Structures are given as C-alpha cells and as structure tokens.
Amino acid sequence: MFLPKEETRPTFGGHEKFVLRQGWLRKGFEAVSSDPLVFTREEALVILGVGKNMVRSIRHWCLATGLVEEVHGTRIAHPLRVSPLGRNLLSDNGWDPYLENSGTLWLLHWQLASNYTRSMVWALTFSSYLAEEFTKRDLIKYISGQFERSGIRTTEGTIEREVDCCLRTYVPAQTRQTGNLEETLDCPLNELSLIRFTPEESIYRFNTGPKPTLSSYIFGYTLLSFLSMHLHSRRTIAIDECLYPIGSPGQVFKLDEYSVMEYLEALESQMGGWMSIQETAGLRQIYLQDGSRNWLSTEAMELLRAHYE
C-alpha cells in the first residue's frame, strides 16, 4: 500500500489542466488573507484578475502546496485560511513573499510530492515510481495500477490529464514542442530540472544526483518532516531510511547516496547537538537528540527559518 497510514480521499482535476504559474500563490494568499470565502464569490474573477477556470486552479495550487488550508467544523461553505507555513513564507514581512529564493521552489516541490489528497499523482511519481526513464504511457500505466490496488476509482482520461499536468510542471514547454499558447507558460518548478525530456524519443528521465540549489537546511526540514510521520519516537535511523523509502527526501528530490551523505554531514556540523552520524558494524546511522513528533516538527521549522535567515 503506497498511501500514508492516515488515508484521505484524493481529489483530481482541481488544477483545471493549468500548471502552477508565477504569482498565483501570492495572489491566492492575499485573497484568502482578506476573505476566507473569496473563491466562492462571483467577484473572485475581478479580485484575482483571471478567468473562472484559473480561479479554481489558483485555489487548487494554494491547497496542494499547503500554503492555504480548509477550515473544518464550520457551517460556512468552503472557507479557507492561510496556513502557518503560508504566513511565514508569503506575508509582507515573510521569508520569501515573491518566491525569489531557489530554496522555496524545492520546498514547494516537497509540498506537492507529499500531498496525497490534492496532488497524488505528483506524490506517486516522485515518491514511489522507481524507473529512471519512462514514457508518458508508462507512467499512466503505473499510476493506474496503484489506484486499482488501493481501491481508488477514476477514469483513464482523468489519470492521463493528471499525469500530463504533472509532467508539464517540471518540463519546459519548448522541449515539449507544444503548439498551445496556454501551455507555453512554464511552471516555476521547471527551474529544478528534476525531469528531462527527449522529444525525438518521447522519453522522460529523472535527473538523479546532486542538486546544487537545494540547501542543507531545506533538505533537513524535509527529512525531519518525513521522520515525524514515520519514526514513531525512534531516535536511531539508518541512513538508507533517508534515501530509499517511499516519500523520503532521497526519493522526492531524486538524490543519490553520496548527495544524501553530504547533506547529513552538513547538518551535523551546522546544527551540532541535535543529530550525529555514527557507524557501527558497517551500518551508518543517524542519532537524534529526541525522536518525538513534536520535537521533530519544531526542529524542522527551525531549519526552515535558518535557511531564510
């Protein structure tokens, strides 16, 4: 079972086939900050300055990246609120209100690849699909099989649209030779170069290895976030657990073992005290100061803060 233990019903198509565009998250953040019901109002088109389908797409991407969240336990229809991450990142005095820091793009990618409700195809593609190279049809077949085994019922057309949008999130339009004007507007996550496309062969390839623009602090934040969901209060973790398991930073960022070790060694020196790397009987392990979920979540946010400061 690829789904996280706290299973939630996935939603599809909220992006309306539009990839995330530059400025959309800031637009959505400001709109929700002013009016939690903005996306249900007719004047949303004027407030956001886009068409009806794009309004829905902006709402989707704000939710999928976790910068905005739904308010539950209220009778009001579909209210939203800014999440703590969204507030820290996008407020006027926030860490990166206009998404100019390369680390923010890696953070947004992590958010998408960890969201099994709003962006499940993104999560499966980067967390559990192990092929180094593939065609679009290969990926559709894999996603379909995972859905079938997990009892998720949807149409092949829906899966194809999700896969297409996912690939367009990371592959620049010029390499796809698209004639559609709408599709020539690239997603900022193209800059991460996580997927390469060879038009002559119609082959996609994951770019596995070092990621020069991914800082050790962002890596550390994602690692502790991952461990907080899977550790169960353990304080000792094999280094392979950072690299190979479904949803781990090694998988999501397509890192090799050498790159993961470099990040861990950097974190050991930068944040000395809360973690150390030791080798016992040929097994390399990480030792944490504390393994509780609250401690891991608190330290993860401190690493994120350290990156921007």
Protein backbone atom coordinates (compact mmCIF):
# COMPACT_ATOMS: atom_id res chain seq x y z
CA MET A 1 0.00 0.00 0.00
CA PHE A 2 1.55 3.27 -1.10
CA LEU A 3 -0.84 5.54 0.77
CA PRO A 4 0.13 7.08 4.11
CA LYS A 5 -1.45 5.44 7.13
CA GLU A 6 -3.81 8.35 7.66
CA GLU A 7 -5.63 7.76 4.40
CA THR A 8 -7.65 10.54 2.84
CA ARG A 9 -9.81 10.57 -0.22
CA PRO A 10 -7.84 12.08 -3.13
CA THR A 11 -9.28 14.75 -5.40
CA PHE A 12 -8.44 15.15 -9.08
CA GLY A 13 -8.71 17.89 -11.67
CA GLY A 14 -8.67 20.89 -9.35
CA HIS A 15 -5.83 22.41 -11.38
CA GLU A 16 -8.19 22.64 -14.40
CA LYS A 17 -5.22 21.44 -16.51
CA PHE A 18 -3.24 24.62 -15.72
CA VAL A 19 0.22 24.21 -14.22
CA LEU A 20 1.18 26.42 -11.29
CA ARG A 21 2.16 29.85 -12.61
CA GLN A 22 4.40 32.60 -11.34
CA GLY A 23 2.49 34.88 -8.97
CA TRP A 24 -0.51 32.61 -8.42
CA LEU A 25 0.36 31.54 -4.89
CA ARG A 26 0.86 35.15 -3.81
CA LYS A 27 -2.47 36.12 -5.41
CA GLY A 28 -4.27 33.29 -3.63
CA PHE A 29 -2.55 34.01 -0.32
CA GLU A 30 -3.52 37.69 -0.36
CA ALA A 31 -7.09 36.93 -1.42
CA VAL A 32 -7.64 34.35 1.35
CA SER A 33 -5.99 36.63 3.90
CA SER A 34 -8.64 39.24 3.12
CA ASP A 35 -11.62 36.93 2.63
CA PRO A 36 -11.77 33.22 3.58
CA LEU A 37 -14.68 32.77 1.14
CA VAL A 38 -13.09 34.59 -1.79
CA PHE A 39 -13.08 31.52 -4.05
CA THR A 40 -16.85 31.07 -3.69
CA ARG A 41 -17.70 34.62 -4.70
CA GLU A 42 -18.58 35.79 -8.21
CA GLU A 43 -16.20 38.74 -7.87
CA ALA A 44 -13.25 36.35 -7.44
CA LEU A 45 -12.56 36.77 -11.17
CA VAL A 46 -12.06 40.52 -10.67
CA ILE A 47 -10.16 40.17 -7.39
CA LEU A 48 -7.68 37.67 -8.83
CA GLY A 49 -7.65 39.10 -12.33
CA VAL A 50 -8.05 35.75 -14.10
CA GLY A 51 -10.76 33.64 -15.73
CA LYS A 52 -13.17 31.29 -13.93
CA ASN A 53 -11.15 28.13 -14.54
CA MET A 54 -7.96 29.84 -13.40
CA VAL A 55 -9.67 30.93 -10.17
CA ARG A 56 -10.33 27.28 -9.40
CA SER A 57 -6.75 26.40 -10.40
CA ILE A 58 -5.26 29.02 -8.07
CA ARG A 59 -7.36 27.63 -5.22
CA HIS A 60 -6.11 24.13 -6.02
CA TRP A 61 -2.42 25.07 -6.08
CA CYS A 62 -2.68 27.05 -2.85
CA LEU A 63 -4.17 23.97 -1.17
CA ALA A 64 -1.86 21.46 -2.86
CA THR A 65 1.26 23.34 -1.70
CA GLY A 66 -0.14 23.65 1.82
CA LEU A 67 0.11 27.45 1.90
CA VAL A 68 -3.66 27.65 2.41
CA GLU A 69 -5.85 25.11 4.22
CA GLU A 70 -9.53 24.31 4.55
CA VAL A 71 -11.36 25.20 7.75
CA HIS A 72 -13.31 22.24 9.10
CA GLY A 73 -16.08 22.15 11.67
CA THR A 74 -17.91 25.18 10.36
CA ARG A 75 -21.24 25.58 8.64
CA ILE A 76 -19.89 28.17 6.22
CA ALA A 77 -19.37 26.68 2.76
CA HIS A 78 -15.72 26.03 1.86
CA PRO A 79 -13.92 28.67 3.98
CA LEU A 80 -10.13 28.76 3.71
CA ARG A 81 -7.38 30.15 5.89
CA VAL A 82 -3.70 30.85 5.49
CA SER A 83 -1.56 28.02 6.94
CA PRO A 84 1.34 28.72 9.33
CA LEU A 85 3.76 27.84 6.50
CA GLY A 86 1.95 30.20 4.13
CA ARG A 87 2.05 33.01 6.67
CA ASN A 88 5.76 32.55 7.39
CA LEU A 89 6.60 32.39 3.71
CA LEU A 90 4.30 34.85 1.94
CA SER A 91 3.28 37.59 4.37
CA ASP A 92 4.69 41.07 3.65
CA ASN A 93 7.45 40.53 6.19
CA GLY A 94 7.72 36.82 5.42
CA TRP A 95 10.68 34.76 4.36
CA ASP A 96 10.09 34.94 0.60
CA PRO A 97 6.83 36.74 -0.29
CA TYR A 98 7.55 36.78 -4.03
CA LEU A 99 9.09 33.30 -4.31
CA GLU A 100 12.51 34.58 -5.39
CA ASN A 101 14.59 32.14 -3.33
CA SER A 102 15.55 28.90 -5.08
CA GLY A 103 15.03 27.04 -1.81
CA THR A 104 11.36 27.98 -1.93
CA LEU A 105 10.93 26.08 -5.21
CA TRP A 106 12.36 22.95 -3.60
CA LEU A 107 10.05 23.48 -0.64
CA LEU A 108 7.01 23.79 -2.94
CA HIS A 109 8.06 20.64 -4.79
CA TRP A 110 8.29 18.80 -1.47
CA GLN A 111 4.82 20.04 -0.51
CA LEU A 112 3.31 18.77 -3.77
CA ALA A 113 5.12 15.43 -3.63
CA SER A 114 3.94 14.88 -0.04
CA ASN A 115 0.26 15.72 -0.59
CA TYR A 116 -1.71 12.53 -1.22
CA THR A 117 -5.03 14.39 -1.21
CA ARG A 118 -4.55 17.25 -3.68
CA SER A 119 -1.61 16.06 -5.78
CA MET A 120 -1.50 12.28 -5.51
CA VAL A 121 -0.04 11.75 -8.98
CA TRP A 122 2.84 14.11 -8.10
CA ALA A 123 3.38 12.17 -4.87
CA LEU A 124 3.39 8.78 -6.60
CA THR A 125 5.61 9.96 -9.45
CA PHE A 126 8.34 11.25 -7.16
CA SER A 127 7.88 9.07 -4.08
CA SER A 128 7.40 5.54 -5.35
CA TYR A 129 7.94 5.33 -9.13
CA LEU A 130 11.41 3.84 -9.40
CA ALA A 131 12.02 3.79 -13.17
CA GLU A 132 14.86 6.08 -14.22
CA GLU A 133 13.39 6.70 -17.67
CA PHE A 134 9.86 6.29 -18.95
CA THR A 135 7.25 7.36 -21.48
CA LYS A 136 4.05 9.14 -20.56
CA ARG A 137 2.18 5.90 -21.24
CA ASP A 138 4.50 4.01 -18.83
CA LEU A 139 3.71 6.46 -16.04
CA ILE A 140 -0.04 6.35 -16.74
CA LYS A 141 0.05 2.55 -16.55
CA TYR A 142 1.91 2.67 -13.23
CA ILE A 143 -0.47 5.23 -11.69
CA SER A 144 -3.49 3.24 -12.90
CA GLY A 145 -2.13 0.09 -11.27
CA GLN A 146 -1.51 1.87 -7.96
CA PHE A 147 -5.03 3.30 -7.97
CA GLU A 148 -6.54 -0.11 -8.73
CA ARG A 149 -4.63 -1.82 -5.92
CA SER A 150 -5.70 0.89 -3.48
CA GLY A 151 -9.36 0.87 -4.48
CA ILE A 152 -9.32 4.37 -5.96
CA ARG A 153 -11.87 4.55 -8.75
CA THR A 154 -11.47 7.07 -11.54
CA THR A 155 -11.29 7.16 -15.34
CA GLU A 156 -8.28 6.63 -17.58
CA GLY A 157 -8.89 10.09 -19.02
CA THR A 158 -8.62 11.63 -15.55
CA ILE A 159 -5.35 9.81 -14.88
CA GLU A 160 -3.95 10.91 -18.24
CA ARG A 161 -4.81 14.56 -17.53
CA GLU A 162 -3.21 14.35 -14.07
CA VAL A 163 -0.04 12.78 -15.46
CA ASP A 164 0.13 15.35 -18.26
CA CYS A 165 -0.18 18.26 -15.81
CA CYS A 166 2.41 16.69 -13.51
CA LEU A 167 4.96 16.33 -16.30
CA ARG A 168 4.30 19.87 -17.55
CA THR A 169 5.01 21.10 -14.01
CA TYR A 170 8.66 20.08 -14.44
CA VAL A 171 9.39 20.02 -18.18
CA PRO A 172 9.79 23.34 -20.06
CA ALA A 173 7.32 23.91 -22.87
CA GLN A 174 9.96 24.38 -25.57
CA THR A 175 11.22 20.83 -25.07
CA ARG A 176 7.68 19.51 -25.47
CA GLN A 177 7.18 21.29 -28.83
CA THR A 178 3.67 22.35 -27.87
CA GLY A 179 1.61 24.50 -30.17
CA ASN A 180 -0.82 25.50 -27.44
CA LEU A 181 -0.26 29.12 -26.34
CA GLU A 182 -1.55 28.37 -22.83
CA GLU A 183 0.97 25.56 -22.44
CA THR A 184 3.93 27.79 -23.29
CA LEU A 185 3.63 29.48 -19.89
CA ASP A 186 6.01 27.43 -17.79
CA CYS A 187 5.71 26.50 -14.15
CA PRO A 188 8.45 27.94 -11.88
CA LEU A 189 9.29 24.37 -10.82
CA ASN A 190 10.80 23.84 -14.29
CA GLU A 191 13.88 25.51 -12.82
CA LEU A 192 14.54 22.49 -10.62
CA SER A 193 15.44 20.34 -13.65
CA LEU A 194 14.07 17.23 -11.97
CA ILE A 195 12.83 15.69 -15.23
CA ARG A 196 14.45 15.82 -18.67
CA PHE A 197 12.51 15.14 -21.86
CA THR A 198 13.94 13.89 -25.15
CA PRO A 199 11.41 14.83 -27.88
CA GLU A 200 12.98 12.58 -30.52
CA GLU A 201 12.34 9.51 -28.36
CA SER A 202 9.36 10.83 -26.33
CA ILE A 203 11.29 9.69 -23.27
CA TYR A 204 11.30 11.33 -19.84
CA ARG A 205 14.24 10.84 -17.47
CA PHE A 206 14.60 11.69 -13.81
CA ASN A 207 17.66 13.79 -13.11
CA THR A 208 19.10 11.75 -10.24
CA GLY A 209 22.15 13.04 -8.38
CA PRO A 210 23.40 16.24 -6.73
CA LYS A 211 21.07 19.25 -6.55
CA PRO A 212 23.28 22.37 -6.28
CA THR A 213 20.41 24.75 -5.44
CA LEU A 214 18.92 22.52 -2.71
CA SER A 215 20.33 23.79 0.59
CA SER A 216 21.13 21.53 3.54
CA TYR A 217 18.57 23.45 5.61
CA ILE A 218 15.73 22.73 3.18
CA PHE A 219 16.85 19.11 2.99
CA GLY A 220 16.93 18.97 6.79
CA TYR A 221 13.43 20.41 7.04
CA THR A 222 12.06 17.78 4.68
CA LEU A 223 13.96 14.98 6.41
CA LEU A 224 12.58 15.85 9.85
CA SER A 225 9.11 16.33 8.39
CA PHE A 226 9.33 12.86 6.85
CA LEU A 227 10.68 11.28 10.02
CA SER A 228 7.97 12.90 12.14
CA MET A 229 5.40 10.92 10.15
CA HIS A 230 7.27 7.60 10.18
CA LEU A 231 9.65 7.39 13.14
CA HIS A 232 7.26 6.54 15.98
CA SER A 233 9.56 8.07 18.61
CA ARG A 234 12.70 6.24 17.44
CA ARG A 235 15.94 8.15 17.92
CA THR A 236 18.12 5.97 15.68
CA ILE A 237 17.64 5.89 11.90
CA ALA A 238 19.62 4.02 9.28
CA ILE A 239 20.84 6.39 6.59
CA ASP A 240 19.17 4.20 3.97
CA GLU A 241 15.86 5.26 5.52
CA CYS A 242 16.52 8.80 4.28
CA LEU A 243 17.25 7.63 0.76
CA TYR A 244 15.10 4.72 -0.36
CA PRO A 245 11.68 4.58 1.38
CA ILE A 246 8.53 5.88 -0.29
CA GLY A 247 8.18 9.59 0.41
CA SER A 248 11.73 10.06 1.71
CA PRO A 249 13.78 13.14 0.70
CA GLY A 250 16.13 10.92 -1.28
CA GLN A 251 13.25 9.78 -3.48
CA VAL A 252 11.35 13.07 -3.70
CA PHE A 253 14.45 15.08 -4.63
CA LYS A 254 15.98 12.27 -6.74
CA LEU A 255 19.24 12.27 -4.82
CA ASP A 256 21.99 9.67 -4.90
CA GLU A 257 23.59 8.19 -1.78
CA TYR A 258 26.65 10.45 -1.96
CA SER A 259 24.46 13.58 -2.07
CA VAL A 260 22.38 12.45 0.90
CA MET A 261 25.55 11.84 2.92
CA GLU A 262 26.82 15.32 2.06
CA TYR A 263 23.59 16.87 3.32
CA LEU A 264 23.64 14.84 6.53
CA GLU A 265 27.27 15.75 7.24
CA ALA A 266 26.49 19.42 6.62
CA LEU A 267 23.54 19.26 9.02
CA GLU A 268 25.68 17.56 11.65
CA SER A 269 28.15 20.46 11.58
CA GLN A 270 25.59 23.26 11.15
CA MET A 271 23.15 22.12 13.81
CA GLY A 272 25.51 20.28 16.12
CA GLY A 273 23.91 18.76 19.15
CA TRP A 274 20.60 17.51 17.85
CA MET A 275 21.97 14.89 15.49
CA SER A 276 25.13 12.89 14.86
CA ILE A 277 26.25 10.31 12.33
CA GLN A 278 27.88 7.12 13.57
CA GLU A 279 28.94 3.83 12.03
CA THR A 280 28.51 0.56 13.92
CA ALA A 281 29.36 -2.81 12.43
CA GLY A 282 29.40 -1.29 8.95
CA LEU A 283 25.95 0.28 9.35
CA ARG A 284 25.78 4.07 9.14
CA GLN A 285 23.10 5.57 11.33
CA ILE A 286 21.74 8.93 12.43
CA TYR A 287 21.28 9.51 16.15
CA LEU A 288 18.75 12.17 17.12
CA GLN A 289 18.59 14.12 20.36
CA ASP A 290 14.87 13.38 20.53
CA GLY A 291 12.52 11.28 18.41
CA SER A 292 9.14 12.68 19.43
CA ARG A 293 6.89 14.11 16.73
CA ASN A 294 6.65 17.49 18.47
CA TRP A 295 10.42 17.80 18.73
CA LEU A 296 10.94 16.79 15.10
CA SER A 297 8.31 19.29 13.89
CA THR A 298 9.80 22.11 15.97
CA GLU A 299 13.34 21.46 14.78
CA ALA A 300 12.15 21.15 11.18
CA MET A 301 10.66 24.66 11.34
CA GLU A 302 13.87 26.00 12.90
CA LEU A 303 15.86 24.60 9.97
CA LEU A 304 13.48 26.28 7.55
CA ARG A 305 13.85 29.54 9.41
CA ALA A 306 17.64 29.16 9.33
CA HIS A 307 17.60 28.76 5.55
CA TYR A 308 15.86 32.09 5.01
CA GLU A 309 17.71 33.97 7.72
